[in-house]
Amino acid sequence: MLIDGRLNLYEHQSSWNPNMPLRGLFYFAELYKHLVQGENIYGTRLIPLPTPIYLVFYNGEREMGDYEEMKLSDAFVHGNEQSGME
């Protein structure tokens, strides 16, 4: 859903998956690709992008807390020290 400049993506999981940040990256990359279609991504004008909001709802049997934040950089071999990624 695109609401007030925010691209909201919600997913429901019944099994815990440590690769959700990577999956979220793929989902958002595909959505952004469609949103900027026809724009000059090599030009000098910044293309404004809706802010991504990615929430995963989990109801599996594995014991989890009420909230867990997972980061894509957790999967980087060298962490986020040299990647230049946010």
PDB file of N, CA and C in Angstrom:
ATOM      1  N   MET A   1       0.831  -1.171   0.000  1.00  0.00           N
ATOM      2  CA  MET A   1       0.000   0.000   0.000  1.00  0.00           C
ATOM      3  C   MET A   1       0.885   1.246   0.000  1.00  0.00           C
ATOM      4  N   LEU A   2       0.527   2.184  -0.796  1.00  0.00           N
ATOM      5  CA  LEU A   2       1.214   3.471  -0.827  1.00  0.00           C
ATOM      6  C   LEU A   2       0.314   4.484  -0.129  1.00  0.00           C
ATOM      7  N   ILE A   3       0.757   4.940   1.057  1.00  0.00           N
ATOM      8  CA  ILE A   3      -0.037   5.859   1.859  1.00  0.00           C
ATOM      9  C   ILE A   3       0.861   6.992   2.329  1.00  0.00           C
ATOM     10  N   ASP A   4       0.525   8.210   1.953  1.00  0.00           N
ATOM     11  CA  ASP A   4       1.207   9.398   2.431  1.00  0.00           C
ATOM     12  C   ASP A   4       2.734   9.310   2.284  1.00  0.00           C
ATOM     13  N   GLY A   5       3.198   8.916   1.125  1.00  0.00           N
ATOM     14  CA  GLY A   5       4.627   8.848   0.860  1.00  0.00           C
ATOM     15  C   GLY A   5       5.339   7.678   1.509  1.00  0.00           C
ATOM     16  N   ARG A   6       4.571   6.709   1.984  1.00  0.00           N
ATOM     17  CA  ARG A   6       5.145   5.511   2.596  1.00  0.00           C
ATOM     18  C   ARG A   6       4.673   4.284   1.829  1.00  0.00           C
ATOM     19  N   LEU A   7       5.628   3.446   1.494  1.00  0.00           N
ATOM     20  CA  LEU A   7       5.321   2.200   0.794  1.00  0.00           C
ATOM     21  C   LEU A   7       5.255   1.102   1.843  1.00  0.00           C
ATOM     22  N   ASN A   8       4.045   0.727   2.208  1.00  0.00           N
ATOM     23  CA  ASN A   8       3.806  -0.229   3.286  1.00  0.00           C
ATOM     24  C   ASN A   8       3.680  -1.638   2.727  1.00  0.00           C
ATOM     25  N   LEU A   9       4.501  -2.528   3.251  1.00  0.00           N
ATOM     26  CA  LEU A   9       4.469  -3.921   2.828  1.00  0.00           C
ATOM     27  C   LEU A   9       4.330  -4.777   4.081  1.00  0.00           C
ATOM     28  N   TYR A  10       3.293  -5.585   4.127  1.00  0.00           N
ATOM     29  CA  TYR A  10       3.013  -6.433   5.272  1.00  0.00           C
ATOM     30  C   TYR A  10       3.028  -7.886   4.822  1.00  0.00           C
ATOM     31  N   GLU A  11       3.603  -8.728   5.657  1.00  0.00           N
ATOM     32  CA  GLU A  11       3.671 -10.154   5.333  1.00  0.00           C
ATOM     33  C   GLU A  11       3.356 -10.946   6.590  1.00  0.00           C
ATOM     34  N   HIS A  12       2.754 -12.101   6.398  1.00  0.00           N
ATOM     35  CA  HIS A  12       2.426 -12.984   7.512  1.00  0.00           C
ATOM     36  C   HIS A  12       3.217 -14.274   7.358  1.00  0.00           C
ATOM     37  N   GLN A  13       3.849 -14.719   8.436  1.00  0.00           N
ATOM     38  CA  GLN A  13       4.652 -15.936   8.417  1.00  0.00           C
ATOM     39  C   GLN A  13       4.210 -16.862   9.540  1.00  0.00           C
ATOM     40  N   SER A  14       4.147 -18.148   9.261  1.00  0.00           N
ATOM     41  CA  SER A  14       3.900 -19.119  10.320  1.00  0.00           C
ATOM     42  C   SER A  14       5.175 -19.896  10.650  1.00  0.00           C
ATOM     43  N   SER A  15       6.256 -19.597   9.934  1.00  0.00           N
ATOM     44  CA  SER A  15       7.552 -20.190  10.264  1.00  0.00           C
ATOM     45  C   SER A  15       8.589 -19.074  10.305  1.00  0.00           C
ATOM     46  N   TRP A  16       9.471 -19.132  11.312  1.00  0.00           N
ATOM     47  CA  TRP A  16      10.495 -18.102  11.477  1.00  0.00           C
ATOM     48  C   TRP A  16      11.522 -18.245  10.373  1.00  0.00           C
ATOM     49  N   ASN A  17      11.957 -17.116   9.817  1.00  0.00           N
ATOM     50  CA  ASN A  17      12.907 -17.143   8.708  1.00  0.00           C
ATOM     51  C   ASN A  17      13.917 -16.011   8.894  1.00  0.00           C
ATOM     52  N   PRO A  18      15.210 -16.332   9.040  1.00  0.00           N
ATOM     53  CA  PRO A  18      16.210 -15.287   9.247  1.00  0.00           C
ATOM     54  C   PRO A  18      16.497 -14.465   7.993  1.00  0.00           C
ATOM     55  N   ASN A  19      15.943 -14.862   6.866  1.00  0.00           N
ATOM     56  CA  ASN A  19      16.197 -14.164   5.602  1.00  0.00           C
ATOM     57  C   ASN A  19      15.117 -13.165   5.219  1.00  0.00           C
ATOM     58  N   MET A  20      14.275 -12.804   6.157  1.00  0.00           N
ATOM     59  CA  MET A  20      13.205 -11.847   5.854  1.00  0.00           C
ATOM     60  C   MET A  20      13.743 -10.497   5.379  1.00  0.00           C
ATOM     61  N   PRO A  21      14.831  -9.964   5.948  1.00  0.00           N
ATOM     62  CA  PRO A  21      15.347  -8.692   5.421  1.00  0.00           C
ATOM     63  C   PRO A  21      15.775  -8.797   3.947  1.00  0.00           C
ATOM     64  N   LEU A  22      16.368  -9.908   3.566  1.00  0.00           N
ATOM     65  CA  LEU A  22      16.761 -10.099   2.168  1.00  0.00           C
ATOM     66  C   LEU A  22      15.527 -10.204   1.281  1.00  0.00           C
ATOM     67  N   ARG A  23      14.541 -10.938   1.734  1.00  0.00           N
ATOM     68  CA  ARG A  23      13.296 -11.044   0.970  1.00  0.00           C
ATOM     69  C   ARG A  23      12.635  -9.680   0.832  1.00  0.00           C
ATOM     70  N   GLY A  24      12.647  -8.899   1.919  1.00  0.00           N
ATOM     71  CA  GLY A  24      12.086  -7.549   1.870  1.00  0.00           C
ATOM     72  C   GLY A  24      12.809  -6.681   0.857  1.00  0.00           C
ATOM     73  N   LEU A  25      14.143  -6.787   0.801  1.00  0.00           N
ATOM     74  CA  LEU A  25      14.921  -6.045  -0.194  1.00  0.00           C
ATOM     75  C   LEU A  25      14.453  -6.388  -1.609  1.00  0.00           C
ATOM     76  N   PHE A  26      14.269  -7.658  -1.885  1.00  0.00           N
ATOM     77  CA  PHE A  26      13.802  -8.076  -3.212  1.00  0.00           C
ATOM     78  C   PHE A  26      12.411  -7.533  -3.508  1.00  0.00           C
ATOM     79  N   TYR A  27      11.513  -7.602  -2.521  1.00  0.00           N
ATOM     80  CA  TYR A  27      10.152  -7.091  -2.722  1.00  0.00           C
ATOM     81  C   TYR A  27      10.181  -5.600  -3.043  1.00  0.00           C
ATOM     82  N   PHE A  28      10.910  -4.832  -2.237  1.00  0.00           N
ATOM     83  CA  PHE A  28      10.952  -3.385  -2.436  1.00  0.00           C
ATOM     84  C   PHE A  28      11.658  -3.017  -3.738  1.00  0.00           C
ATOM     85  N   ALA A  29      12.712  -3.735  -4.089  1.00  0.00           N
ATOM     86  CA  ALA A  29      13.411  -3.454  -5.354  1.00  0.00           C
ATOM     87  C   ALA A  29      12.445  -3.604  -6.529  1.00  0.00           C
ATOM     88  N   GLU A  30      11.644  -4.636  -6.491  1.00  0.00           N
ATOM     89  CA  GLU A  30      10.673  -4.856  -7.574  1.00  0.00           C
ATOM     90  C   GLU A  30       9.608  -3.759  -7.582  1.00  0.00           C
ATOM     91  N   LEU A  31       9.122  -3.373  -6.408  1.00  0.00           N
ATOM     92  CA  LEU A  31       8.115  -2.313  -6.339  1.00  0.00           C
ATOM     93  C   LEU A  31       8.683  -0.975  -6.800  1.00  0.00           C
ATOM     94  N   TYR A  32       9.899  -0.635  -6.349  1.00  0.00           N
ATOM     95  CA  TYR A  32      10.535   0.618  -6.779  1.00  0.00           C
ATOM     96  C   TYR A  32      10.784   0.615  -8.282  1.00  0.00           C
ATOM     97  N   LYS A  33      11.156  -0.525  -8.815  1.00  0.00           N
ATOM     98  CA  LYS A  33      11.396  -0.630 -10.265  1.00  0.00           C
ATOM     99  C   LYS A  33      10.149  -0.200 -11.039  1.00  0.00           C
ATOM    100  N   HIS A  34       8.996  -0.634 -10.571  1.00  0.00           N
ATOM    101  CA  HIS A  34       7.744  -0.262 -11.241  1.00  0.00           C
ATOM    102  C   HIS A  34       7.376   1.206 -10.986  1.00  0.00           C
ATOM    103  N   LEU A  35       7.659   1.683  -9.775  1.00  0.00           N
ATOM    104  CA  LEU A  35       7.304   3.058  -9.432  1.00  0.00           C
ATOM    105  C   LEU A  35       8.111   4.097 -10.211  1.00  0.00           C
ATOM    106  N   VAL A  36       9.346   3.783 -10.553  1.00  0.00           N
ATOM    107  CA  VAL A  36      10.201   4.756 -11.251  1.00  0.00           C
ATOM    108  C   VAL A  36      10.291   4.482 -12.745  1.00  0.00           C
ATOM    109  N   GLN A  37       9.484   3.572 -13.219  1.00  0.00           N
ATOM    110  CA  GLN A  37       9.475   3.265 -14.647  1.00  0.00           C
ATOM    111  C   GLN A  37       9.222   4.541 -15.452  1.00  0.00           C
ATOM    112  N   GLY A  38      10.058   4.782 -16.418  1.00  0.00           N
ATOM    113  CA  GLY A  38       9.927   5.973 -17.241  1.00  0.00           C
ATOM    114  C   GLY A  38      10.744   7.154 -16.731  1.00  0.00           C
ATOM    115  N   GLU A  39      11.302   7.048 -15.513  1.00  0.00           N
ATOM    116  CA  GLU A  39      12.150   8.100 -14.956  1.00  0.00           C
ATOM    117  C   GLU A  39      13.589   7.874 -15.417  1.00  0.00           C
ATOM    118  N   ASN A  40      14.358   8.936 -15.461  1.00  0.00           N
ATOM    119  CA  ASN A  40      15.764   8.838 -15.839  1.00  0.00           C
ATOM    120  C   ASN A  40      16.592   8.612 -14.573  1.00  0.00           C
ATOM    121  N   ILE A  41      16.892   7.355 -14.257  1.00  0.00           N
ATOM    122  CA  ILE A  41      17.636   7.059 -13.031  1.00  0.00           C
ATOM    123  C   ILE A  41      19.116   7.407 -13.164  1.00  0.00           C
ATOM    124  N   TYR A  42      19.570   7.749 -14.353  1.00  0.00           N
ATOM    125  CA  TYR A  42      20.968   8.141 -14.567  1.00  0.00           C
ATOM    126  C   TYR A  42      21.125   9.655 -14.668  1.00  0.00           C
ATOM    127  N   GLY A  43      20.028  10.381 -14.528  1.00  0.00           N
ATOM    128  CA  GLY A  43      20.054  11.836 -14.640  1.00  0.00           C
ATOM    129  C   GLY A  43      20.552  12.500 -13.365  1.00  0.00           C
ATOM    130  N   THR A  44      20.512  13.823 -13.377  1.00  0.00           N
ATOM    131  CA  THR A  44      21.015  14.592 -12.240  1.00  0.00           C
ATOM    132  C   THR A  44      19.919  14.967 -11.241  1.00  0.00           C
ATOM    133  N   ARG A  45      18.669  14.673 -11.564  1.00  0.00           N
ATOM    134  CA  ARG A  45      17.550  14.977 -10.667  1.00  0.00           C
ATOM    135  C   ARG A  45      17.285  13.787  -9.753  1.00  0.00           C
ATOM    136  N   LEU A  46      17.201  14.065  -8.442  1.00  0.00           N
ATOM    137  CA  LEU A  46      16.884  13.024  -7.481  1.00  0.00           C
ATOM    138  C   LEU A  46      15.433  12.582  -7.667  1.00  0.00           C
ATOM    139  N   ILE A  47      15.220  11.306  -7.763  1.00  0.00           N
ATOM    140  CA  ILE A  47      13.867  10.757  -7.880  1.00  0.00           C
ATOM    141  C   ILE A  47      13.378  10.447  -6.467  1.00  0.00           C
ATOM    142  N   PRO A  48      12.344  11.146  -6.016  1.00  0.00           N
ATOM    143  CA  PRO A  48      11.862  10.878  -4.660  1.00  0.00           C
ATOM    144  C   PRO A  48      11.216   9.488  -4.577  1.00  0.00           C
ATOM    145  N   LEU A  49      11.558   8.775  -3.536  1.00  0.00           N
ATOM    146  CA  LEU A  49      11.024   7.427  -3.334  1.00  0.00           C
ATOM    147  C   LEU A  49      10.184   7.392  -2.072  1.00  0.00           C
ATOM    148  N   PRO A  50       9.072   6.668  -2.109  1.00  0.00           N
ATOM    149  CA  PRO A  50       8.312   6.508  -0.876  1.00  0.00           C
ATOM    150  C   PRO A  50       9.148   5.745   0.151  1.00  0.00           C
ATOM    151  N   THR A  51       9.006   6.120   1.399  1.00  0.00           N
ATOM    152  CA  THR A  51       9.731   5.481   2.488  1.00  0.00           C
ATOM    153  C   THR A  51       9.216   4.054   2.682  1.00  0.00           C
ATOM    154  N   PRO A  52      10.118   3.061   2.692  1.00  0.00           N
ATOM    155  CA  PRO A  52       9.658   1.683   2.849  1.00  0.00           C
ATOM    156  C   PRO A  52       9.337   1.351   4.308  1.00  0.00           C
ATOM    157  N   ILE A  53       8.213   0.715   4.511  1.00  0.00           N
ATOM    158  CA  ILE A  53       7.806   0.202   5.819  1.00  0.00           C
ATOM    159  C   ILE A  53       7.533  -1.285   5.606  1.00  0.00           C
ATOM    160  N   TYR A  54       8.279  -2.124   6.277  1.00  0.00           N
ATOM    161  CA  TYR A  54       8.156  -3.578   6.081  1.00  0.00           C
ATOM    162  C   TYR A  54       7.900  -4.239   7.425  1.00  0.00           C
ATOM    163  N   LEU A  55       6.732  -4.817   7.575  1.00  0.00           N
ATOM    164  CA  LEU A  55       6.359  -5.502   8.808  1.00  0.00           C
ATOM    165  C   LEU A  55       6.010  -6.948   8.498  1.00  0.00           C
ATOM    166  N   VAL A  56       6.521  -7.829   9.329  1.00  0.00           N
ATOM    167  CA  VAL A  56       6.211  -9.251   9.192  1.00  0.00           C
ATOM    168  C   VAL A  56       5.498  -9.685  10.464  1.00  0.00           C
ATOM    169  N   PHE A  57       4.330 -10.251  10.292  1.00  0.00           N
ATOM    170  CA  PHE A  57       3.568 -10.773  11.417  1.00  0.00           C
ATOM    171  C   PHE A  57       3.836 -12.273  11.513  1.00  0.00           C
ATOM    172  N   TYR A  58       4.142 -12.730  12.694  1.00  0.00           N
ATOM    173  CA  TYR A  58       4.524 -14.133  12.908  1.00  0.00           C
ATOM    174  C   TYR A  58       3.601 -14.777  13.931  1.00  0.00           C
ATOM    175  N   ASN A  59       3.122 -15.978  13.608  1.00  0.00           N
ATOM    176  CA  ASN A  59       2.275 -16.694  14.559  1.00  0.00           C
ATOM    177  C   ASN A  59       2.657 -18.172  14.660  1.00  0.00           C
ATOM    178  N   GLY A  60       3.909 -18.489  14.423  1.00  0.00           N
ATOM    179  CA  GLY A  60       4.366 -19.876  14.473  1.00  0.00           C
ATOM    180  C   GLY A  60       4.545 -20.383  15.893  1.00  0.00           C
ATOM    181  N   GLU A  61       5.063 -21.588  15.991  1.00  0.00           N
ATOM    182  CA  GLU A  61       5.221 -22.240  17.288  1.00  0.00           C
ATOM    183  C   GLU A  61       6.508 -21.856  18.002  1.00  0.00           C
ATOM    184  N   ARG A  62       7.485 -21.333  17.284  1.00  0.00           N
ATOM    185  CA  ARG A  62       8.745 -20.935  17.913  1.00  0.00           C
ATOM    186  C   ARG A  62       8.488 -19.760  18.855  1.00  0.00           C
ATOM    187  N   GLU A  63       9.016 -19.842  20.059  1.00  0.00           N
ATOM    188  CA  GLU A  63       8.823 -18.788  21.055  1.00  0.00           C
ATOM    189  C   GLU A  63       9.569 -17.524  20.619  1.00  0.00           C
ATOM    190  N   MET A  64       8.849 -16.425  20.516  1.00  0.00           N
ATOM    191  CA  MET A  64       9.417 -15.151  20.091  1.00  0.00           C
ATOM    192  C   MET A  64       8.889 -14.053  21.009  1.00  0.00           C
ATOM    193  N   GLY A  65       9.633 -12.963  21.071  1.00  0.00           N
ATOM    194  CA  GLY A  65       9.159 -11.802  21.812  1.00  0.00           C
ATOM    195  C   GLY A  65       8.091 -11.079  21.011  1.00  0.00           C
ATOM    196  N   ASP A  66       7.564 -10.024  21.581  1.00  0.00           N
ATOM    197  CA  ASP A  66       6.534  -9.246  20.908  1.00  0.00           C
ATOM    198  C   ASP A  66       7.081  -8.469  19.716  1.00  0.00           C
ATOM    199  N   TYR A  67       8.392  -8.166  19.741  1.00  0.00           N
ATOM    200  CA  TYR A  67       8.984  -7.338  18.693  1.00  0.00           C
ATOM    201  C   TYR A  67      10.414  -7.799  18.460  1.00  0.00           C
ATOM    202  N   GLU A  68      10.787  -7.911  17.200  1.00  0.00           N
ATOM    203  CA  GLU A  68      12.164  -8.219  16.841  1.00  0.00           C
ATOM    204  C   GLU A  68      12.516  -7.419  15.594  1.00  0.00           C
ATOM    205  N   GLU A  69      13.650  -6.758  15.636  1.00  0.00           N
ATOM    206  CA  GLU A  69      14.097  -6.000  14.472  1.00  0.00           C
ATOM    207  C   GLU A  69      15.240  -6.761  13.810  1.00  0.00           C
ATOM    208  N   MET A  70      15.051  -7.071  12.540  1.00  0.00           N
ATOM    209  CA  MET A  70      16.066  -7.780  11.774  1.00  0.00           C
ATOM    210  C   MET A  70      16.633  -6.816  10.743  1.00  0.00           C
ATOM    211  N   LYS A  71      17.940  -6.879  10.514  1.00  0.00           N
ATOM    212  CA  LYS A  71      18.588  -5.972   9.577  1.00  0.00           C
ATOM    213  C   LYS A  71      19.268  -6.762   8.471  1.00  0.00           C
ATOM    214  N   LEU A  72      19.213  -6.212   7.273  1.00  0.00           N
ATOM    215  CA  LEU A  72      19.878  -6.838   6.142  1.00  0.00           C
ATOM    216  C   LEU A  72      21.371  -6.979   6.412  1.00  0.00           C
ATOM    217  N   SER A  73      21.970  -5.985   7.055  1.00  0.00           N
ATOM    218  CA  SER A  73      23.411  -6.016   7.318  1.00  0.00           C
ATOM    219  C   SER A  73      23.814  -7.151   8.262  1.00  0.00           C
ATOM    220  N   ASP A  74      22.865  -7.738   8.976  1.00  0.00           N
ATOM    221  CA  ASP A  74      23.175  -8.897   9.814  1.00  0.00           C
ATOM    222  C   ASP A  74      23.673 -10.070   8.970  1.00  0.00           C
ATOM    223  N   ALA A  75      23.296 -10.095   7.706  1.00  0.00           N
ATOM    224  CA  ALA A  75      23.695 -11.191   6.821  1.00  0.00           C
ATOM    225  C   ALA A  75      25.011 -10.902   6.093  1.00  0.00           C
ATOM    226  N   PHE A  76      25.505  -9.674   6.160  1.00  0.00           N
ATOM    227  CA  PHE A  76      26.746  -9.334   5.462  1.00  0.00           C
ATOM    228  C   PHE A  76      27.920 -10.044   6.127  1.00  0.00           C
ATOM    229  N   VAL A  77      28.801 -10.629   5.355  1.00  0.00           N
ATOM    230  CA  VAL A  77      29.960 -11.351   5.868  1.00  0.00           C
ATOM    231  C   VAL A  77      30.806 -10.455   6.775  1.00  0.00           C
ATOM    232  N   HIS A  78      30.973  -9.199   6.395  1.00  0.00           N
ATOM    233  CA  HIS A  78      31.764  -8.267   7.178  1.00  0.00           C
ATOM    234  C   HIS A  78      30.901  -7.237   7.897  1.00  0.00           C
ATOM    235  N   GLY A  79      29.658  -7.574   8.149  1.00  0.00           N
ATOM    236  CA  GLY A  79      28.758  -6.636   8.811  1.00  0.00           C
ATOM    237  C   GLY A  79      28.519  -5.424   7.944  1.00  0.00           C
ATOM    238  N   ASN A  80      28.246  -4.303   8.560  1.00  0.00           N
ATOM    239  CA  ASN A  80      27.940  -3.086   7.823  1.00  0.00           C
ATOM    240  C   ASN A  80      29.118  -2.114   7.839  1.00  0.00           C
ATOM    241  N   GLU A  81      30.299  -2.581   8.255  1.00  0.00           N
ATOM    242  CA  GLU A  81      31.439  -1.691   8.436  1.00  0.00           C
ATOM    243  C   GLU A  81      31.935  -1.047   7.153  1.00  0.00           C
ATOM    244  N   GLN A  82      31.861  -1.737   6.018  1.00  0.00           N
ATOM    245  CA  GLN A  82      32.403  -1.186   4.775  1.00  0.00           C
ATOM    246  C   GLN A  82      31.406  -1.188   3.631  1.00  0.00           C
ATOM    247  N   SER A  83      30.202  -1.564   3.881  1.00  0.00           N
ATOM    248  CA  SER A  83      29.268  -1.780   2.782  1.00  0.00           C
ATOM    249  C   SER A  83      28.767  -0.474   2.161  1.00  0.00           C
ATOM    250  N   GLY A  84      28.643   0.575   2.933  1.00  0.00           N
ATOM    251  CA  GLY A  84      28.060   1.803   2.416  1.00  0.00           C
ATOM    252  C   GLY A  84      26.548   1.720   2.284  1.00  0.00           C
ATOM    253  N   MET A  85      25.966   0.639   2.759  1.00  0.00           N
ATOM    254  CA  MET A  85      24.517   0.462   2.721  1.00  0.00           C
ATOM    255  C   MET A  85      23.935   0.947   4.042  1.00  0.00           C
ATOM    256  N   GLU A  86      22.737   1.483   3.973  1.00  0.00           N
ATOM    257  CA  GLU A  86      22.064   1.884   5.201  1.00  0.00           C
ATOM    258  C   GLU A  86      21.303   0.702   5.739  1.00  0.00           C
TER     259      GLU A  86
END
